C-alpha cells in the first residue's frame, strides 16, 4: 500500500477498534497458544460465559478468530498468524514506550 492509497485505512481502523479491548486481547493471547473452547476460556479468565461468548462473536465477525465444531464443543483459534504478530508487537511496543509529557507541560516544568 502506497502512502496515497488509503483503501486499507478504514478496515485497519476497525481492526484496532476491536483490538482496543483488554479482555479481547487476553482471549486472543490465550487462543494464540492453542485452540480453546468457551468453557476453557471462562475457566482461564474468570469472565462469565456470556461475556466470553460476546467477545468471541465480535472477534469472529472481525475475522480474527475461527470456530471449529467438534461434536458439542466449539474450539476457537486465531484466523491466521498475522493476528498474533499484531498483538505481540502492540504489547512489546507498549512495554518499551514511556509516554513523553506534552511539550507545554515539559516547558512549564522547566521554569523555576
PDB file of N, CA and C in Angstrom:
ATOM      1  N   UNK A   1       0.842  -1.175   0.000  1.00  0.00           N
ATOM      2  CA  UNK A   1       0.000   0.000   0.000  1.00  0.00           C
ATOM      3  C   UNK A   1       0.886   1.236   0.000  1.00  0.00           C
ATOM      4  N   UNK A   2       0.684   2.108  -0.951  1.00  0.00           N
ATOM      5  CA  UNK A   2       1.452   3.344  -1.006  1.00  0.00           C
ATOM      6  C   UNK A   2       0.818   4.371  -0.067  1.00  0.00           C
ATOM      7  N   UNK A   3       1.558   5.433   0.197  1.00  0.00           N
ATOM      8  CA  UNK A   3       1.078   6.476   1.099  1.00  0.00           C
ATOM      9  C   UNK A   3      -0.201   7.113   0.572  1.00  0.00           C
ATOM     10  N   UNK A   4      -0.334   7.208  -0.739  1.00  0.00           N
ATOM     11  CA  UNK A   4      -1.527   7.835  -1.308  1.00  0.00           C
ATOM     12  C   UNK A   4      -2.716   6.878  -1.395  1.00  0.00           C
ATOM     13  N   UNK A   5      -2.495   5.587  -1.210  1.00  0.00           N
ATOM     14  CA  UNK A   5      -3.581   4.608  -1.246  1.00  0.00           C
ATOM     15  C   UNK A   5      -4.146   4.454   0.161  1.00  0.00           C
ATOM     16  N   UNK A   6      -5.325   4.991   0.370  1.00  0.00           N
ATOM     17  CA  UNK A   6      -5.943   4.968   1.698  1.00  0.00           C
ATOM     18  C   UNK A   6      -7.006   3.884   1.837  1.00  0.00           C
ATOM     19  N   UNK A   7      -7.091   2.987   0.860  1.00  0.00           N
ATOM     20  CA  UNK A   7      -8.162   1.987   0.864  1.00  0.00           C
ATOM     21  C   UNK A   7      -8.095   1.032   2.057  1.00  0.00           C
ATOM     22  N   UNK A   8      -6.929   0.828   2.615  1.00  0.00           N
ATOM     23  CA  UNK A   8      -6.805  -0.089   3.742  1.00  0.00           C
ATOM     24  C   UNK A   8      -6.945   0.564   5.107  1.00  0.00           C
ATOM     25  N   UNK A   9      -7.090   1.879   5.144  1.00  0.00           N
ATOM     26  CA  UNK A   9      -7.127   2.566   6.430  1.00  0.00           C
ATOM     27  C   UNK A   9      -8.392   2.283   7.230  1.00  0.00           C
ATOM     28  N   UNK A  10      -9.537   2.312   6.592  1.00  0.00           N
ATOM     29  CA  UNK A  10     -10.797   2.077   7.318  1.00  0.00           C
ATOM     30  C   UNK A  10     -10.851   0.665   7.901  1.00  0.00           C
ATOM     31  N   UNK A  11     -10.508  -0.373   7.121  1.00  0.00           N
ATOM     32  CA  UNK A  11     -10.501  -1.712   7.725  1.00  0.00           C
ATOM     33  C   UNK A  11      -9.474  -1.842   8.854  1.00  0.00           C
ATOM     34  N   UNK A  12      -8.323  -1.202   8.707  1.00  0.00           N
ATOM     35  CA  UNK A  12      -7.308  -1.258   9.763  1.00  0.00           C
ATOM     36  C   UNK A  12      -7.803  -0.545  11.017  1.00  0.00           C
ATOM     37  N   UNK A  13      -8.468   0.588  10.840  1.00  0.00           N
ATOM     38  CA  UNK A  13      -9.024   1.311  11.990  1.00  0.00           C
ATOM     39  C   UNK A  13     -10.067   0.460  12.704  1.00  0.00           C
ATOM     40  N   UNK A  14     -10.891  -0.254  11.943  1.00  0.00           N
ATOM     41  CA  UNK A  14     -11.892  -1.138  12.541  1.00  0.00           C
ATOM     42  C   UNK A  14     -11.213  -2.272  13.306  1.00  0.00           C
ATOM     43  N   UNK A  15     -10.144  -2.803  12.746  1.00  0.00           N
ATOM     44  CA  UNK A  15      -9.385  -3.856  13.426  1.00  0.00           C
ATOM     45  C   UNK A  15      -8.867  -3.358  14.771  1.00  0.00           C
ATOM     46  N   UNK A  16      -8.275  -2.164  14.780  1.00  0.00           N
ATOM     47  CA  UNK A  16      -7.750  -1.623  16.029  1.00  0.00           C
ATOM     48  C   UNK A  16      -8.865  -1.310  17.022  1.00  0.00           C
ATOM     49  N   UNK A  17     -10.022  -0.950  16.519  1.00  0.00           N
ATOM     50  CA  UNK A  17     -11.168  -0.714  17.401  1.00  0.00           C
ATOM     51  C   UNK A  17     -11.540  -2.008  18.129  1.00  0.00           C
ATOM     52  N   UNK A  18     -11.582  -3.112  17.400  1.00  0.00           N
ATOM     53  CA  UNK A  18     -11.895  -4.409  18.006  1.00  0.00           C
ATOM     54  C   UNK A  18     -10.788  -4.818  18.978  1.00  0.00           C
ATOM     55  N   UNK A  19      -9.550  -4.559  18.624  1.00  0.00           N
ATOM     56  CA  UNK A  19      -8.421  -4.927  19.474  1.00  0.00           C
ATOM     57  C   UNK A  19      -8.251  -3.988  20.667  1.00  0.00           C
ATOM     58  N   UNK A  20      -8.994  -2.891  20.687  1.00  0.00           N
ATOM     59  CA  UNK A  20      -8.874  -1.894  21.747  1.00  0.00           C
ATOM     60  C   UNK A  20      -9.569  -2.279  23.040  1.00  0.00           C
ATOM     61  N   UNK A  21      -9.789  -3.550  23.254  1.00  0.00           N
ATOM     62  CA  UNK A  21     -10.443  -4.038  24.462  1.00  0.00           C
ATOM     63  C   UNK A  21      -9.511  -5.047  25.131  1.00  0.00           C
ATOM     64  N   UNK A  22      -9.154  -4.773  26.374  1.00  0.00           N
ATOM     65  CA  UNK A  22      -8.183  -5.617  27.076  1.00  0.00           C
ATOM     66  C   UNK A  22      -8.645  -7.070  27.197  1.00  0.00           C
ATOM     67  N   UNK A  23      -9.930  -7.272  27.434  1.00  0.00           N
ATOM     68  CA  UNK A  23     -10.445  -8.642  27.562  1.00  0.00           C
ATOM     69  C   UNK A  23     -10.317  -9.406  26.253  1.00  0.00           C
ATOM     70  N   UNK A  24     -10.598  -8.733  25.133  1.00  0.00           N
ATOM     71  CA  UNK A  24     -10.468  -9.409  23.838  1.00  0.00           C
ATOM     72  C   UNK A  24      -9.010  -9.732  23.540  1.00  0.00           C
ATOM     73  N   UNK A  25      -8.102  -8.826  23.901  1.00  0.00           N
ATOM     74  CA  UNK A  25      -6.678  -9.114  23.708  1.00  0.00           C
ATOM     75  C   UNK A  25      -6.257 -10.332  24.525  1.00  0.00           C
ATOM     76  N   UNK A  26      -6.757 -10.420  25.739  1.00  0.00           N
ATOM     77  CA  UNK A  26      -6.433 -11.557  26.603  1.00  0.00           C
ATOM     78  C   UNK A  26      -6.936 -12.855  25.983  1.00  0.00           C
ATOM     79  N   UNK A  27      -8.171 -12.836  25.496  1.00  0.00           N
ATOM     80  CA  UNK A  27      -8.720 -14.030  24.847  1.00  0.00           C
ATOM     81  C   UNK A  27      -7.883 -14.416  23.634  1.00  0.00           C
ATOM     82  N   UNK A  28      -7.482 -13.428  22.841  1.00  0.00           N
ATOM     83  CA  UNK A  28      -6.664 -13.713  21.660  1.00  0.00           C
ATOM     84  C   UNK A  28      -5.307 -14.294  22.053  1.00  0.00           C
ATOM     85  N   UNK A  29      -4.722 -13.775  23.129  1.00  0.00           N
ATOM     86  CA  UNK A  29      -3.446 -14.335  23.596  1.00  0.00           C
ATOM     87  C   UNK A  29      -3.608 -15.803  23.969  1.00  0.00           C
ATOM     88  N   UNK A  30      -4.671 -16.108  24.696  1.00  0.00           N
ATOM     89  CA  UNK A  30      -4.903 -17.493  25.115  1.00  0.00           C
ATOM     90  C   UNK A  30      -5.159 -18.401  23.918  1.00  0.00           C
ATOM     91  N   UNK A  31      -6.001 -17.946  23.001  1.00  0.00           N
ATOM     92  CA  UNK A  31      -6.325 -18.738  21.811  1.00  0.00           C
ATOM     93  C   UNK A  31      -5.088 -18.890  20.925  1.00  0.00           C
ATOM     94  N   UNK A  32      -4.193 -17.915  20.987  1.00  0.00           N
ATOM     95  CA  UNK A  32      -2.964 -17.990  20.206  1.00  0.00           C
ATOM     96  C   UNK A  32      -2.045 -19.112  20.656  1.00  0.00           C
ATOM     97  N   UNK A  33      -2.188 -19.548  21.901  1.00  0.00           N
ATOM     98  CA  UNK A  33      -1.378 -20.652  22.418  1.00  0.00           C
ATOM     99  C   UNK A  33      -1.879 -21.998  21.918  1.00  0.00           C
ATOM    100  N   UNK A  34      -3.220 -22.135  21.867  1.00  0.00           N
ATOM    101  CA  UNK A  34      -3.848 -23.377  21.408  1.00  0.00           C
ATOM    102  C   UNK A  34      -5.337 -23.115  21.217  1.00  0.00           C
ATOM    103  N   UNK A  35      -5.990 -23.870  20.354  1.00  0.00           N
ATOM    104  CA  UNK A  35      -7.442 -23.719  20.203  1.00  0.00           C
ATOM    105  C   UNK A  35      -8.135 -24.032  21.537  1.00  0.00           C
ATOM    106  N   UNK A  36      -9.108 -23.195  21.896  1.00  0.00           N
ATOM    107  CA  UNK A  36      -9.801 -23.360  23.175  1.00  0.00           C
ATOM    108  C   UNK A  36     -11.305 -23.214  23.014  1.00  0.00           C
ATOM    109  N   UNK A  37     -12.033 -23.872  23.896  1.00  0.00           N
ATOM    110  CA  UNK A  37     -13.490 -23.760  23.924  1.00  0.00           C
ATOM    111  C   UNK A  37     -13.890 -22.575  24.803  1.00  0.00           C
ATOM    112  N   UNK A  38     -15.156 -22.197  24.720  1.00  0.00           N
ATOM    113  CA  UNK A  38     -15.673 -21.135  25.576  1.00  0.00           C
ATOM    114  C   UNK A  38     -15.462 -21.512  27.040  1.00  0.00           C
ATOM    115  N   UNK A  39     -15.770 -22.758  27.381  1.00  0.00           N
ATOM    116  CA  UNK A  39     -15.601 -23.209  28.763  1.00  0.00           C
ATOM    117  C   UNK A  39     -14.175 -23.080  29.258  1.00  0.00           C
ATOM    118  N   UNK A  40     -13.218 -23.442  28.424  1.00  0.00           N
ATOM    119  CA  UNK A  40     -11.806 -23.328  28.801  1.00  0.00           C
ATOM    120  C   UNK A  40     -11.412 -21.863  28.979  1.00  0.00           C
ATOM    121  N   UNK A  41     -11.945 -20.992  28.129  1.00  0.00           N
ATOM    122  CA  UNK A  41     -11.647 -19.565  28.243  1.00  0.00           C
ATOM    123  C   UNK A  41     -12.281 -18.962  29.493  1.00  0.00           C
ATOM    124  N   UNK A  42     -13.491 -19.401  29.822  1.00  0.00           N
ATOM    125  CA  UNK A  42     -14.145 -18.947  31.054  1.00  0.00           C
ATOM    126  C   UNK A  42     -13.294 -19.350  32.254  1.00  0.00           C
ATOM    127  N   UNK A  43     -12.840 -20.590  32.260  1.00  0.00           N
ATOM    128  CA  UNK A  43     -12.028 -21.093  33.369  1.00  0.00           C
ATOM    129  C   UNK A  43     -10.696 -20.347  33.463  1.00  0.00           C
ATOM    130  N   UNK A  44     -10.065 -20.085  32.340  1.00  0.00           N
ATOM    131  CA  UNK A  44      -8.753 -19.430  32.335  1.00  0.00           C
ATOM    132  C   UNK A  44      -8.827 -17.962  32.740  1.00  0.00           C
ATOM    133  N   UNK A  45      -9.922 -17.293  32.388  1.00  0.00           N
ATOM    134  CA  UNK A  45     -10.008 -15.850  32.613  1.00  0.00           C
ATOM    135  C   UNK A  45     -10.855 -15.448  33.809  1.00  0.00           C
ATOM    136  N   UNK A  46     -11.792 -16.298  34.194  1.00  0.00           N
ATOM    137  CA  UNK A  46     -12.722 -15.921  35.251  1.00  0.00           C
ATOM    138  C   UNK A  46     -13.855 -15.035  34.762  1.00  0.00           C
ATOM    139  N   UNK A  47     -13.897 -14.770  33.460  1.00  0.00           N
ATOM    140  CA  UNK A  47     -15.002 -13.996  32.884  1.00  0.00           C
ATOM    141  C   UNK A  47     -16.243 -14.881  32.833  1.00  0.00           C
ATOM    142  N   UNK A  48     -17.399 -14.249  32.760  1.00  0.00           N
ATOM    143  CA  UNK A  48     -18.633 -15.022  32.644  1.00  0.00           C
ATOM    144  C   UNK A  48     -18.735 -15.635  31.250  1.00  0.00           C
ATOM    145  N   UNK A  49     -19.481 -16.721  31.152  1.00  0.00           N
ATOM    146  CA  UNK A  49     -19.661 -17.387  29.864  1.00  0.00           C
ATOM    147  C   UNK A  49     -20.320 -16.460  28.842  1.00  0.00           C
ATOM    148  N   UNK A  50     -21.375 -15.710  29.210  1.00  0.00           N
ATOM    149  CA  UNK A  50     -21.966 -14.807  28.210  1.00  0.00           C
ATOM    150  C   UNK A  50     -20.986 -13.738  27.718  1.00  0.00           C
ATOM    151  N   UNK A  51     -20.134 -13.240  28.618  1.00  0.00           N
ATOM    152  CA  UNK A  51     -19.172 -12.214  28.218  1.00  0.00           C
ATOM    153  C   UNK A  51     -18.124 -12.788  27.266  1.00  0.00           C
ATOM    154  N   UNK A  52     -17.607 -13.966  27.584  1.00  0.00           N
ATOM    155  CA  UNK A  52     -16.633 -14.615  26.699  1.00  0.00           C
ATOM    156  C   UNK A  52     -17.264 -14.861  25.335  1.00  0.00           C
ATOM    157  N   UNK A  53     -18.482 -15.367  25.321  1.00  0.00           N
ATOM    158  CA  UNK A  53     -19.170 -15.636  24.051  1.00  0.00           C
ATOM    159  C   UNK A  53     -19.371 -14.365  23.244  1.00  0.00           C
ATOM    160  N   UNK A  54     -19.720 -13.274  23.921  1.00  0.00           N
ATOM    161  CA  UNK A  54     -19.911 -11.995  23.226  1.00  0.00           C
ATOM    162  C   UNK A  54     -18.599 -11.520  22.603  1.00  0.00           C
ATOM    163  N   UNK A  55     -17.512 -11.592  23.366  1.00  0.00           N
ATOM    164  CA  UNK A  55     -16.211 -11.177  22.833  1.00  0.00           C
ATOM    165  C   UNK A  55     -15.798 -12.063  21.653  1.00  0.00           C
ATOM    166  N   UNK A  56     -16.017 -13.361  21.763  1.00  0.00           N
ATOM    167  CA  UNK A  56     -15.663 -14.267  20.669  1.00  0.00           C
ATOM    168  C   UNK A  56     -16.483 -13.973  19.422  1.00  0.00           C
ATOM    169  N   UNK A  57     -17.735 -13.631  19.600  1.00  0.00           N
ATOM    170  CA  UNK A  57     -18.582 -13.273  18.454  1.00  0.00           C
ATOM    171  C   UNK A  57     -18.016 -12.033  17.751  1.00  0.00           C
ATOM    172  N   UNK A  58     -17.616 -11.037  18.542  1.00  0.00           N
ATOM    173  CA  UNK A  58     -17.019  -9.821  17.979  1.00  0.00           C
ATOM    174  C   UNK A  58     -15.724 -10.148  17.247  1.00  0.00           C
ATOM    175  N   UNK A  59     -14.886 -10.976  17.855  1.00  0.00           N
ATOM    176  CA  UNK A  59     -13.612 -11.350  17.234  1.00  0.00           C
ATOM    177  C   UNK A  59     -13.826 -12.158  15.956  1.00  0.00           C
ATOM    178  N   UNK A  60     -14.829 -13.006  15.961  1.00  0.00           N
ATOM    179  CA  UNK A  60     -15.132 -13.804  14.770  1.00  0.00           C
ATOM    180  C   UNK A  60     -15.651 -12.915  13.643  1.00  0.00           C
ATOM    181  N   UNK A  61     -16.536 -11.976  13.972  1.00  0.00           N
ATOM    182  CA  UNK A  61     -17.070 -11.060  12.960  1.00  0.00           C
ATOM    183  C   UNK A  61     -15.969 -10.194  12.361  1.00  0.00           C
ATOM    184  N   UNK A  62     -14.947  -9.897  13.148  1.00  0.00           N
ATOM    185  CA  UNK A  62     -13.821  -9.096  12.663  1.00  0.00           C
ATOM    186  C   UNK A  62     -12.814  -9.932  11.885  1.00  0.00           C
ATOM    187  N   UNK A  63     -13.033 -11.240  11.814  1.00  0.00           N
ATOM    188  CA  UNK A  63     -12.129 -12.108  11.073  1.00  0.00           C
ATOM    189  C   UNK A  63     -10.852 -12.447  11.815  1.00  0.00           C
ATOM    190  N   UNK A  64     -10.852 -12.261  13.140  1.00  0.00           N
ATOM    191  CA  UNK A  64      -9.652 -12.521  13.925  1.00  0.00           C
ATOM    192  C   UNK A  64      -9.583 -13.946  14.451  1.00  0.00           C
ATOM    193  N   UNK A  65     -10.729 -14.590  14.622  1.00  0.00           N
ATOM    194  CA  UNK A  65     -10.763 -15.980  15.071  1.00  0.00           C
ATOM    195  C   UNK A  65     -11.689 -16.788  14.176  1.00  0.00           C
ATOM    196  N   UNK A  66     -11.459 -18.085  14.189  1.00  0.00           N
ATOM    197  CA  UNK A  66     -12.357 -19.015  13.507  1.00  0.00           C
ATOM    198  C   UNK A  66     -12.846 -20.017  14.547  1.00  0.00           C
ATOM    199  N   UNK A  67     -13.955 -20.661  14.234  1.00  0.00           N
ATOM    200  CA  UNK A  67     -14.542 -21.633  15.151  1.00  0.00           C
ATOM    201  C   UNK A  67     -14.691 -22.965  14.439  1.00  0.00           C
ATOM    202  N   UNK A  68     -14.267 -24.027  15.105  1.00  0.00           N
ATOM    203  CA  UNK A  68     -14.396 -25.384  14.572  1.00  0.00           C
ATOM    204  C   UNK A  68     -15.205 -26.215  15.551  1.00  0.00           C
ATOM    205  N   UNK A  69     -16.295 -26.793  15.055  1.00  0.00           N
ATOM    206  CA  UNK A  69     -17.148 -27.624  15.896  1.00  0.00           C
ATOM    207  C   UNK A  69     -16.598 -29.041  15.949  1.00  0.00           C
ATOM    208  N   UNK A  70     -16.516 -29.567  17.166  1.00  0.00           N
ATOM    209  CA  UNK A  70     -16.111 -30.950  17.417  1.00  0.00           C
ATOM    210  C   UNK A  70     -17.186 -31.557  18.312  1.00  0.00           C
ATOM    211  N   UNK A  71     -18.184 -32.172  17.699  1.00  0.00           N
ATOM    212  CA  UNK A  71     -19.320 -32.690  18.465  1.00  0.00           C
ATOM    213  C   UNK A  71     -20.113 -31.538  19.047  1.00  0.00           C
ATOM    214  N   UNK A  72     -20.254 -31.527  20.364  1.00  0.00           N
ATOM    215  CA  UNK A  72     -20.986 -30.447  21.031  1.00  0.00           C
ATOM    216  C   UNK A  72     -20.095 -29.254  21.356  1.00  0.00           C
ATOM    217  N   UNK A  73     -18.804 -29.429  21.257  1.00  0.00           N
ATOM    218  CA  UNK A  73     -17.844 -28.379  21.600  1.00  0.00           C
ATOM    219  C   UNK A  73     -17.454 -27.571  20.364  1.00  0.00           C
ATOM    220  N   UNK A  74     -17.208 -26.292  20.582  1.00  0.00           N
ATOM    221  CA  UNK A  74     -16.690 -25.420  19.534  1.00  0.00           C
ATOM    222  C   UNK A  74     -15.351 -24.890  20.016  1.00  0.00           C
ATOM    223  N   UNK A  75     -14.308 -25.131  19.233  1.00  0.00           N
ATOM    224  CA  UNK A  75     -12.979 -24.624  19.560  1.00  0.00           C
ATOM    225  C   UNK A  75     -12.699 -23.380  18.731  1.00  0.00           C
ATOM    226  N   UNK A  76     -12.144 -22.379  19.393  1.00  0.00           N
ATOM    227  CA  UNK A  76     -11.782 -21.134  18.732  1.00  0.00           C
ATOM    228  C   UNK A  76     -10.277 -21.090  18.568  1.00  0.00           C
ATOM    229  N   UNK A  77      -9.851 -20.590  17.405  1.00  0.00           N
ATOM    230  CA  UNK A  77      -8.424 -20.441  17.128  1.00  0.00           C
ATOM    231  C   UNK A  77      -8.218 -19.158  16.348  1.00  0.00           C
ATOM    232  N   UNK A  78      -6.973 -18.687  16.321  1.00  0.00           N
ATOM    233  CA  UNK A  78      -6.668 -17.477  15.564  1.00  0.00           C
ATOM    234  C   UNK A  78      -6.896 -17.738  14.084  1.00  0.00           C
ATOM    235  N   UNK A  79      -7.384 -16.730  13.396  1.00  0.00           N
ATOM    236  CA  UNK A  79      -7.673 -16.873  11.971  1.00  0.00           C
ATOM    237  C   UNK A  79      -6.391 -17.081  11.168  1.00  0.00           C
ATOM    238  N   UNK A  80      -5.317 -16.411  11.553  1.00  0.00           N
ATOM    239  CA  UNK A  80      -4.025 -16.600  10.888  1.00  0.00           C
ATOM    240  C   UNK A  80      -2.913 -16.035  11.772  1.00  0.00           C
ATOM    241  N   UNK A  81      -1.682 -16.251  11.350  1.00  0.00           N
ATOM    242  CA  UNK A  81      -0.528 -15.842  12.154  1.00  0.00           C
ATOM    243  C   UNK A  81      -0.387 -14.331  12.274  1.00  0.00           C
ATOM    244  N   UNK A  82      -0.993 -13.567  11.370  1.00  0.00           N
ATOM    245  CA  UNK A  82      -0.895 -12.111  11.450  1.00  0.00           C
ATOM    246  C   UNK A  82      -1.503 -11.584  12.744  1.00  0.00           C
ATOM    247  N   UNK A  83      -2.549 -12.230  13.208  1.00  0.00           N
ATOM    248  CA  UNK A  83      -3.238 -11.786  14.420  1.00  0.00           C
ATOM    249  C   UNK A  83      -2.281 -11.815  15.609  1.00  0.00           C
ATOM    250  N   UNK A  84      -1.566 -12.912  15.779  1.00  0.00           N
ATOM    251  CA  UNK A  84      -0.644 -12.999  16.919  1.00  0.00           C
ATOM    252  C   UNK A  84       0.493 -12.001  16.784  1.00  0.00           C
ATOM    253  N   UNK A  85       0.948 -11.731  15.558  1.00  0.00           N
ATOM    254  CA  UNK A  85       2.013 -10.744  15.359  1.00  0.00           C
ATOM    255  C   UNK A  85       1.547  -9.350  15.761  1.00  0.00           C
ATOM    256  N   UNK A  86       0.344  -8.974  15.369  1.00  0.00           N
ATOM    257  CA  UNK A  86      -0.191  -7.651  15.713  1.00  0.00           C
ATOM    258  C   UNK A  86      -0.267  -7.504  17.230  1.00  0.00           C
ATOM    259  N   UNK A  87      -0.788  -8.517  17.896  1.00  0.00           N
ATOM    260  CA  UNK A  87      -0.937  -8.461  19.350  1.00  0.00           C
ATOM    261  C   UNK A  87       0.427  -8.429  20.036  1.00  0.00           C
ATOM    262  N   UNK A  88       1.312  -9.333  19.649  1.00  0.00           N
ATOM    263  CA  UNK A  88       2.646  -9.381  20.257  1.00  0.00           C
ATOM    264  C   UNK A  88       3.394  -8.072  20.050  1.00  0.00           C
ATOM    265  N   UNK A  89       3.323  -7.517  18.835  1.00  0.00           N
ATOM    266  CA  UNK A  89       4.008  -6.257  18.545  1.00  0.00           C
ATOM    267  C   UNK A  89       3.418  -5.106  19.353  1.00  0.00           C
ATOM    268  N   UNK A  90       2.101  -5.062  19.490  1.00  0.00           N
ATOM    269  CA  UNK A  90       1.459  -3.991  20.254  1.00  0.00           C
ATOM    270  C   UNK A  90       1.859  -4.064  21.724  1.00  0.00           C
ATOM    271  N   UNK A  91       1.877  -5.267  22.278  1.00  0.00           N
ATOM    272  CA  UNK A  91       2.262  -5.432  23.681  1.00  0.00           C
ATOM    273  C   UNK A  91       3.727  -5.058  23.871  1.00  0.00           C
ATOM    274  N   UNK A  92       4.587  -5.538  22.995  1.00  0.00           N
ATOM    275  CA  UNK A  92       6.013  -5.212  23.094  1.00  0.00           C
ATOM    276  C   UNK A  92       6.231  -3.708  22.982  1.00  0.00           C
ATOM    277  N   UNK A  93       5.548  -3.071  22.053  1.00  0.00           N
ATOM    278  CA  UNK A  93       5.684  -1.625  21.871  1.00  0.00           C
ATOM    279  C   UNK A  93       5.227  -0.881  23.120  1.00  0.00           C
ATOM    280  N   UNK A  94       4.097  -1.287  23.678  1.00  0.00           N
ATOM    281  CA  UNK A  94       3.575  -0.585  24.854  1.00  0.00           C
ATOM    282  C   UNK A  94       4.486  -0.761  26.064  1.00  0.00           C
ATOM    283  N   UNK A  95       5.193  -1.865  26.149  1.00  0.00           N
ATOM    284  CA  UNK A  95       6.104  -2.093  27.267  1.00  0.00           C
ATOM    285  C   UNK A  95       7.430  -1.359  27.093  1.00  0.00           C
ATOM    286  N   UNK A  96       7.794  -1.042  25.865  1.00  0.00           N
ATOM    287  CA  UNK A  96       9.048  -0.341  25.591  1.00  0.00           C
ATOM    288  C   UNK A  96       8.884   1.168  25.604  1.00  0.00           C
ATOM    289  N   UNK A  97       7.680   1.639  25.389  1.00  0.00           N
ATOM    290  CA  UNK A  97       7.438   3.059  25.200  1.00  0.00           C
ATOM    291  C   UNK A  97       6.972   3.704  26.491  1.00  0.00           C
ATOM    292  N   UNK A  98       7.669   4.762  26.884  1.00  0.00           N
ATOM    293  CA  UNK A  98       7.222   5.576  28.004  1.00  0.00           C
ATOM    294  C   UNK A  98       6.703   6.871  27.420  1.00  0.00           C
ATOM    295  N   UNK A  99       5.441   7.195  27.678  1.00  0.00           N
ATOM    296  CA  UNK A  99       4.898   8.425  27.099  1.00  0.00           C
ATOM    297  C   UNK A  99       5.678   9.648  27.570  1.00  0.00           C
ATOM    298  N   UNK A 100       5.940  10.547  26.644  1.00  0.00           N
ATOM    299  CA  UNK A 100       6.601  11.803  26.973  1.00  0.00           C
ATOM    300  C   UNK A 100       5.545  12.805  27.406  1.00  0.00           C
ATOM    301  N   UNK A 101       5.911  13.712  28.309  1.00  0.00           N
ATOM    302  CA  UNK A 101       4.932  14.734  28.677  1.00  0.00           C
ATOM    303  C   UNK A 101       4.662  15.640  27.488  1.00  0.00           C
ATOM    304  N   UNK A 102       3.469  16.205  27.423  1.00  0.00           N
ATOM    305  CA  UNK A 102       3.185  17.140  26.329  1.00  0.00           C
ATOM    306  C   UNK A 102       4.184  18.291  26.370  1.00  0.00           C
ATOM    307  N   UNK A 103       4.502  18.894  25.213  1.00  0.00           N
ATOM    308  CA  UNK A 103       5.502  19.973  25.175  1.00  0.00           C
ATOM    309  C   UNK A 103       5.208  21.100  26.161  1.00  0.00           C
ATOM    310  N   UNK A 104       3.945  21.500  26.305  1.00  0.00           N
ATOM    311  CA  UNK A 104       3.593  22.593  27.209  1.00  0.00           C
ATOM    312  C   UNK A 104       3.935  22.223  28.647  1.00  0.00           C
ATOM    313  N   UNK A 105       3.600  21.019  29.063  1.00  0.00           N
ATOM    314  CA  UNK A 105       3.881  20.574  30.426  1.00  0.00           C
ATOM    315  C   UNK A 105       5.385  20.500  30.669  1.00  0.00           C
ATOM    316  N   UNK A 106       6.124  20.054  29.679  1.00  0.00           N
ATOM    317  CA  UNK A 106       7.576  19.964  29.814  1.00  0.00           C
ATOM    318  C   UNK A 106       8.171  21.358  29.967  1.00  0.00           C
ATOM    319  N   UNK A 107       7.670  22.318  29.187  1.00  0.00           N
ATOM    320  CA  UNK A 107       8.168  23.688  29.262  1.00  0.00           C
ATOM    321  C   UNK A 107       7.824  24.309  30.610  1.00  0.00           C
ATOM    322  N   UNK A 108       6.623  24.055  31.119  1.00  0.00           N
ATOM    323  CA  UNK A 108       6.224  24.600  32.416  1.00  0.00           C
ATOM    324  C   UNK A 108       7.068  24.005  33.534  1.00  0.00           C
ATOM    325  N   UNK A 109       7.392  22.729  33.412  1.00  0.00           N
ATOM    326  CA  UNK A 109       8.199  22.065  34.426  1.00  0.00           C
ATOM    327  C   UNK A 109       9.631  22.570  34.433  1.00  0.00           C
ATOM    328  N   UNK A 110      10.104  23.106  33.320  1.00  0.00           N
ATOM    329  CA  UNK A 110      11.479  23.573  33.213  1.00  0.00           C
ATOM    330  C   UNK A 110      11.666  24.939  33.853  1.00  0.00           C
ATOM    331  N   UNK A 111      10.585  25.734  33.991  1.00  0.00           N
ATOM    332  CA  UNK A 111      10.757  27.062  34.561  1.00  0.00           C
ATOM    333  C   UNK A 111      10.725  27.022  36.084  1.00  0.00           C
ATOM    334  N   UNK A 112      11.544  27.854  36.724  1.00  0.00           N
ATOM    335  CA  UNK A 112      11.615  27.871  38.182  1.00  0.00           C
ATOM    336  C   UNK A 112      10.408  28.487  38.823  1.00  0.00           C
TER     337      UNK A 112
END
